[in-house]
Protein backbone atom coordinates (compact mmCIF):
# COMPACT_ATOMS: atom_id res chain seq x y z
CA MET A 1 0.00 0.00 0.00
CA LYS A 2 1.48 3.36 -1.08
CA GLU A 3 1.62 6.38 1.21
CA ASN A 4 -1.05 8.96 0.42
CA THR A 5 0.67 11.93 -1.28
CA TYR A 6 -2.25 13.28 -3.35
CA SER A 7 -2.79 17.02 -3.71
CA HIS A 8 -6.11 18.35 -2.47
CA HIS A 9 -6.64 20.61 -5.48
CA ILE A 10 -5.10 21.40 -8.82
CA SER A 11 -5.33 24.82 -10.44
CA LYS A 12 -6.45 25.47 -14.01
CA ASP A 13 -3.14 27.24 -14.62
CA LEU A 14 -1.17 24.13 -13.71
CA LEU A 15 -3.57 21.83 -15.55
CA GLN A 16 -3.10 23.55 -18.88
CA TRP A 17 0.65 22.84 -18.90
CA MET A 18 0.34 19.12 -18.22
CA PRO A 19 0.99 16.58 -20.99
CA LEU A 20 -2.08 15.12 -22.68
CA ALA A 21 -3.15 11.54 -21.97
CA ALA A 22 -5.50 9.47 -24.14
CA PHE A 23 -6.63 5.88 -24.40
CA GLU A 24 -4.30 4.06 -26.80
CA GLY A 25 -6.00 0.67 -26.78
CA GLU A 26 -8.46 -0.85 -29.24
CA VAL A 27 -11.73 1.06 -29.68
CA ILE A 28 -14.70 -0.94 -30.99
CA ILE A 29 -17.93 0.81 -31.94
CA VAL A 30 -20.92 -1.45 -31.36
CA ASP A 31 -23.69 -0.14 -33.62
CA GLN A 32 -25.15 -3.37 -34.99
CA GLU A 33 -26.98 -6.11 -33.11
CA GLU A 34 -24.69 -8.85 -34.42
CA MET A 35 -21.72 -7.18 -32.67
CA ILE A 36 -23.29 -7.29 -29.19
CA ALA A 37 -22.56 -10.92 -28.26
CA ASP A 38 -18.78 -10.69 -28.85
CA ALA A 39 -18.59 -7.42 -26.91
CA ILE A 40 -20.48 -8.85 -23.93
CA ALA A 41 -18.38 -12.04 -23.98
CA TYR A 42 -15.21 -9.96 -23.67
CA LEU A 43 -16.58 -7.75 -20.91
CA ARG A 44 -17.53 -10.81 -18.87
CA THR A 45 -13.86 -11.84 -18.77
CA GLN A 46 -12.92 -8.63 -16.91
CA ARG A 47 -12.83 -8.11 -13.15
CA ILE A 48 -13.02 -4.27 -13.24
CA LEU A 49 -14.41 -2.00 -15.97
CA GLY A 50 -14.35 1.76 -16.43
CA VAL A 51 -17.66 3.22 -17.58
CA ASP A 52 -18.98 6.52 -18.87
CA THR A 53 -21.97 7.65 -20.92
CA GLU A 54 -22.73 10.44 -23.37
CA ALA A 55 -25.94 12.16 -24.44
CA ARG A 56 -26.71 14.80 -27.00
CA PRO A 57 -25.97 18.14 -25.30
CA SER A 58 -28.92 20.37 -24.50
CA PHE A 59 -28.59 24.12 -24.55
CA GLN A 60 -32.12 24.81 -23.28
CA ARG A 61 -33.23 24.64 -19.67
CA GLY A 62 -35.49 21.68 -18.92
CA ILE A 63 -34.68 19.78 -22.12
CA HIS A 64 -32.70 16.56 -21.71
CA TYR A 65 -31.87 13.91 -24.27
CA PRO A 66 -31.66 10.15 -23.65
CA THR A 67 -28.31 8.42 -23.23
CA ALA A 68 -26.88 7.96 -26.70
CA LEU A 69 -23.65 6.13 -25.93
CA VAL A 70 -22.21 3.99 -23.15
CA GLN A 71 -18.50 3.34 -23.23
CA ILE A 72 -16.98 0.46 -21.23
CA ALA A 73 -13.22 0.09 -20.98
CA SER A 74 -10.59 -2.34 -19.83
CA HIS A 75 -6.90 -1.47 -20.02
CA GLU A 76 -6.62 -2.87 -23.54
CA ARG A 77 -10.03 -2.37 -25.14
CA CYS A 78 -13.02 -0.04 -25.03
CA TYR A 79 -16.45 -0.82 -26.43
CA LEU A 80 -18.68 2.07 -27.48
CA PHE A 81 -22.30 0.91 -27.44
CA ARG A 82 -24.40 3.23 -29.61
CA LEU A 83 -27.74 3.02 -27.86
CA THR A 84 -29.37 5.20 -30.51
CA HIS A 85 -28.66 2.36 -32.97
CA ILE A 86 -29.07 -0.82 -30.90
CA GLY A 87 -31.16 0.26 -27.91
CA MET A 88 -30.18 -1.01 -24.47
CA PRO A 89 -29.64 -4.76 -24.93
CA GLN A 90 -30.63 -7.06 -22.07
CA ALA A 91 -27.14 -8.57 -22.12
CA LEU A 92 -25.65 -5.12 -21.53
CA ALA A 93 -28.08 -4.39 -18.69
CA ASP A 94 -27.04 -7.72 -17.18
CA ILE A 95 -23.41 -6.52 -17.03
CA PHE A 96 -24.48 -3.61 -14.82
CA ALA A 97 -26.53 -5.95 -12.64
CA ASP A 98 -23.73 -8.51 -12.20
CA PRO A 99 -22.18 -8.28 -8.70
CA LYS A 100 -19.10 -10.25 -9.81
CA ILE A 101 -17.96 -7.47 -12.17
CA CYS A 102 -16.88 -4.14 -10.64
CA LYS A 103 -18.07 -1.16 -12.70
CA VAL A 104 -16.43 2.20 -11.99
CA GLY A 105 -17.69 5.61 -13.09
CA LEU A 106 -17.77 9.28 -12.16
CA ALA A 107 -21.10 10.82 -11.06
CA PHE A 108 -22.15 7.25 -11.73
CA LYS A 109 -25.67 7.53 -10.33
CA ASP A 110 -26.65 9.87 -13.18
CA ASP A 111 -25.17 7.50 -15.75
CA ILE A 112 -26.94 4.49 -14.25
CA ASN A 113 -30.27 6.32 -14.10
CA GLY A 114 -29.91 7.27 -17.76
CA LEU A 115 -29.25 3.65 -18.72
CA ARG A 116 -32.16 2.40 -16.61
CA ARG A 117 -34.50 4.69 -18.51
CA ARG A 118 -33.45 2.73 -21.60
CA ARG A 119 -33.97 -0.67 -19.91
CA ASN A 120 -34.60 -1.20 -16.24
CA PHE A 121 -32.16 -3.26 -14.15
CA THR A 122 -30.93 -3.45 -10.57
CA PRO A 123 -27.35 -2.12 -10.47
CA ALA A 124 -24.77 -4.12 -8.52
CA ASN A 125 -21.12 -3.42 -7.69
CA CYS A 126 -21.23 0.00 -9.38
CA ILE A 127 -18.74 2.35 -7.72
CA ASP A 128 -18.67 6.14 -8.03
CA VAL A 129 -15.15 7.58 -7.91
CA GLN A 130 -16.57 10.87 -6.62
CA SER A 131 -17.71 9.09 -3.46
CA LEU A 132 -14.15 7.88 -2.80
CA VAL A 133 -11.75 10.70 -3.56
CA ALA A 134 -12.32 12.72 -0.36
CA LYS A 135 -11.16 9.68 1.65
CA TYR A 136 -7.80 10.15 -0.06
CA GLY A 137 -7.68 13.92 0.46
CA ILE A 138 -8.74 14.87 -3.08
CA LEU A 139 -11.33 17.63 -2.96
CA ASP A 140 -11.72 18.28 -6.70
CA LEU A 141 -14.59 16.29 -8.22
CA GLY A 142 -14.20 16.69 -12.00
CA LEU A 143 -12.71 13.82 -13.98
CA GLN A 144 -10.07 15.97 -15.63
CA LYS A 145 -8.76 17.37 -12.34
CA ILE A 146 -8.89 14.06 -10.45
CA PHE A 147 -6.94 12.39 -13.26
CA ALA A 148 -4.39 15.21 -13.22
CA ILE A 149 -3.93 14.92 -9.44
CA CYS A 150 -3.40 11.16 -9.70
CA PHE A 151 -1.18 11.04 -12.80
CA SER A 152 0.13 14.57 -13.51
CA GLN A 153 -1.46 14.37 -16.96
CA LYS A 154 -4.60 15.89 -18.39
CA ILE A 155 -7.34 14.44 -20.56
CA SER A 156 -9.03 16.48 -23.27
CA LYS A 157 -12.64 17.59 -22.88
CA ALA A 158 -12.82 19.13 -26.37
CA GLN A 159 -15.47 16.70 -27.69
CA GLN A 160 -17.76 16.85 -24.66
CA LEU A 161 -20.45 19.03 -26.22
CA THR A 162 -20.50 17.42 -29.66
CA ASN A 163 -23.59 15.63 -31.00
CA TRP A 164 -23.49 12.02 -29.82
CA GLU A 165 -26.56 11.16 -31.89
CA ASN A 166 -24.82 11.76 -35.24
CA SER A 167 -25.12 8.90 -37.72
CA HIS A 168 -21.37 8.28 -37.43
CA LEU A 169 -18.97 8.98 -34.58
CA THR A 170 -15.87 10.89 -35.57
CA PRO A 171 -12.46 9.45 -34.62
CA GLU A 172 -12.10 12.36 -32.19
CA GLN A 173 -15.41 11.50 -30.50
CA ALA A 174 -14.47 7.82 -30.25
CA ARG A 175 -11.09 8.61 -28.69
CA TYR A 176 -12.61 11.11 -26.25
CA ALA A 177 -15.34 8.69 -25.15
CA SER A 178 -12.96 5.79 -24.65
CA THR A 179 -10.50 7.98 -22.76
CA ASP A 180 -13.12 9.06 -20.21
CA ALA A 181 -14.11 5.44 -19.45
CA TRP A 182 -10.48 4.31 -19.28
CA ALA A 183 -9.57 7.25 -17.03
CA THR A 184 -12.13 6.26 -14.39
CA LEU A 185 -10.66 2.75 -14.34
CA LEU A 186 -7.12 4.07 -13.84
CA ILE A 187 -8.19 6.48 -11.12
CA TYR A 188 -9.99 3.77 -9.17
CA GLU A 189 -7.04 1.38 -9.33
CA ASP A 190 -4.65 4.14 -8.29
CA LEU A 191 -6.81 5.08 -5.30
CA MET A 192 -7.04 1.45 -4.22
CA ALA A 193 -3.23 1.27 -4.19
CA HIS A 194 -2.97 4.14 -1.68
CA GLU A 195 -3.78 4.50 1.99
CA GLN A 196 -6.97 6.26 2.97
CA LEU A 197 -6.84 9.19 5.36
CA GLU A 198 -8.29 8.93 8.84
CA SER A 199 -11.88 10.20 9.06
CA GLN A 200 -10.84 13.14 11.26
CA GLU A 201 -8.25 14.15 8.66
CA VAL A 202 -10.91 14.12 5.95
CA GLU A 203 -13.25 16.25 8.07
CA ALA A 204 -10.45 18.72 8.81
CA LEU A 205 -9.69 19.02 5.09
CA LYS A 206 -13.36 19.59 4.25
CA ARG A 207 -13.62 22.26 6.93
CA LYS A 208 -10.49 23.98 5.68
CA GLU A 209 -11.91 23.90 2.15
CA LYS A 210 -15.16 25.43 3.38
CA GLU A 211 -13.22 28.20 5.10
CA ARG A 212 -11.25 28.82 1.89
CA MET A 213 -14.42 29.11 -0.18
CA ILE A 214 -16.06 31.47 2.32
CA GLU A 215 -12.95 33.64 2.43
CA HIS A 216 -12.90 33.78 -1.39
CA GLN A 217 -16.58 34.79 -1.50
CA GLN A 218 -16.00 37.43 1.15
CA GLU A 219 -13.10 38.89 -0.82
CA ILE A 220 -15.34 39.23 -3.88
CA GLN A 221 -18.12 40.87 -1.83
CA ASP A 222 -15.63 43.22 -0.17
CA GLN A 223 -14.27 44.30 -3.55
CA ARG A 224 -17.78 45.06 -4.84
CA LEU A 225 -18.59 47.11 -1.74
CA ARG A 226 -15.35 49.11 -2.03
CA GLU A 227 -16.13 49.84 -5.69
CA GLN A 228 -19.39 51.38 -4.41
CA GLY A 229 -17.50 53.41 -1.80
CA ILE A 230 -18.73 51.26 1.08
CA GLU A 231 -16.40 49.95 3.76
CA PRO A 232 -16.96 46.18 4.17
CA PRO A 233 -18.12 44.95 7.60
CA PRO A 234 -15.81 42.77 9.70
CA HIS A 235 -15.63 39.15 8.61
CA MET A 236 -17.18 36.43 10.74
CA THR A 237 -15.19 33.32 11.52
CA LEU A 238 -16.54 30.02 10.26
CA GLU A 239 -17.70 29.20 13.80
CA GLU A 240 -19.53 32.53 14.08
CA ARG A 241 -21.08 32.04 10.64
CA GLU A 242 -22.27 28.53 11.53
CA ALA A 243 -23.71 29.78 14.86
CA HIS A 244 -25.48 32.60 13.01
CA GLN A 245 -26.93 30.20 10.45
CA ALA A 246 -28.03 27.81 13.20
CA GLU A 247 -29.82 30.67 14.97
CA LYS A 248 -31.56 31.64 11.72
CA ARG A 249 -32.72 28.04 11.28
CA ARG A 250 -34.05 27.97 14.86
CA GLU A 251 -35.94 31.21 14.26
CA ALA A 252 -37.37 29.85 11.01
CA ARG A 253 -38.56 26.68 12.77
CA LYS A 254 -40.10 28.80 15.55
CA ARG A 255 -41.98 30.95 13.00
CA LYS A 256 -43.19 27.81 11.24
CA ARG A 257 -44.51 26.32 14.49
CA HIS A 258 -46.22 29.63 15.29
CA ARG A 259 -47.92 29.68 11.85
CA GLN A 260 -49.03 26.07 12.29
CA SER A 261 -50.41 26.76 15.75
CA ALA A 262 -52.25 29.85 14.51
CA ALA A 263 -53.71 27.85 11.61
CA LYS A 264 -54.92 25.13 14.02
CA ARG A 265 -56.52 27.73 16.33
CA ALA A 266 -58.24 29.36 13.37
CA GLU A 267 -59.50 25.99 12.17
CA SER A 268 -60.75 25.16 15.67
CA ARG A 269 -62.62 28.47 15.92
CA LYS A 270 -64.13 27.90 12.49
CA SER A 271 -65.33 24.45 13.52
CA LYS A 272 -66.91 25.81 16.71
CA ASP A 273 -68.64 28.61 14.80
CA ASN A 274 -70.02 26.11 12.32
CA SER A 275 -71.29 23.85 15.12
CA ARG A 276 -73.21 26.76 16.69
CA LYS A 277 -75.03 27.54 13.49
């Protein structure tokens, strides 16, 4: 087990200078029903698989498109299942329901829910990298930044907002999709090779991160006030802010109870008035 030496964050400035990483294995696009059986047979030989999905991007609020592609990667091979062409095969759903095969993704619940809308199944042994990274002191949650923290390399996100429902995937789309699935696999294996932090260390890191974010927000607010010729008020500590918020929640609960009591009294009076009539 390796000592935990992960960074908590990585800046965009540092990220842009890192060398580019991409999946260099075999990429197989599954867009015909007769290709499904061979793909599933291979996937069933693997102990751990990296998974990601893609959907046509929506640029309007409230409009979402169904999952168009699910990519499943080993170290050597990545299958791109074009669900717009073949639907969600039962054999593919069975992979996600198989407890003997570990499936790893990022924000995996959303991916699984999208697949289940295509064909319902009960997921088993599906692990979300985002639920693990804090235990190793990594506080960034995006795939690109987590990968960079683990491997000092970056993965391209240039194809993210392309149309995944096109009749043909471009080579750039295929490489991007396979890289994302492969990256989750590598991250998971790298995390598993390192020691987790103690729970109190994780909580201390999260608290320090919260303090950093509050301080950053306060700096922005202070700058806006100064631009208006207003001297900013003194900053509250995190403890003072939490106590203030707790007091506001108590007051809100008290007002709610008061409204409920008043409504009950009014209802009681109304019932009595009606009974007298």
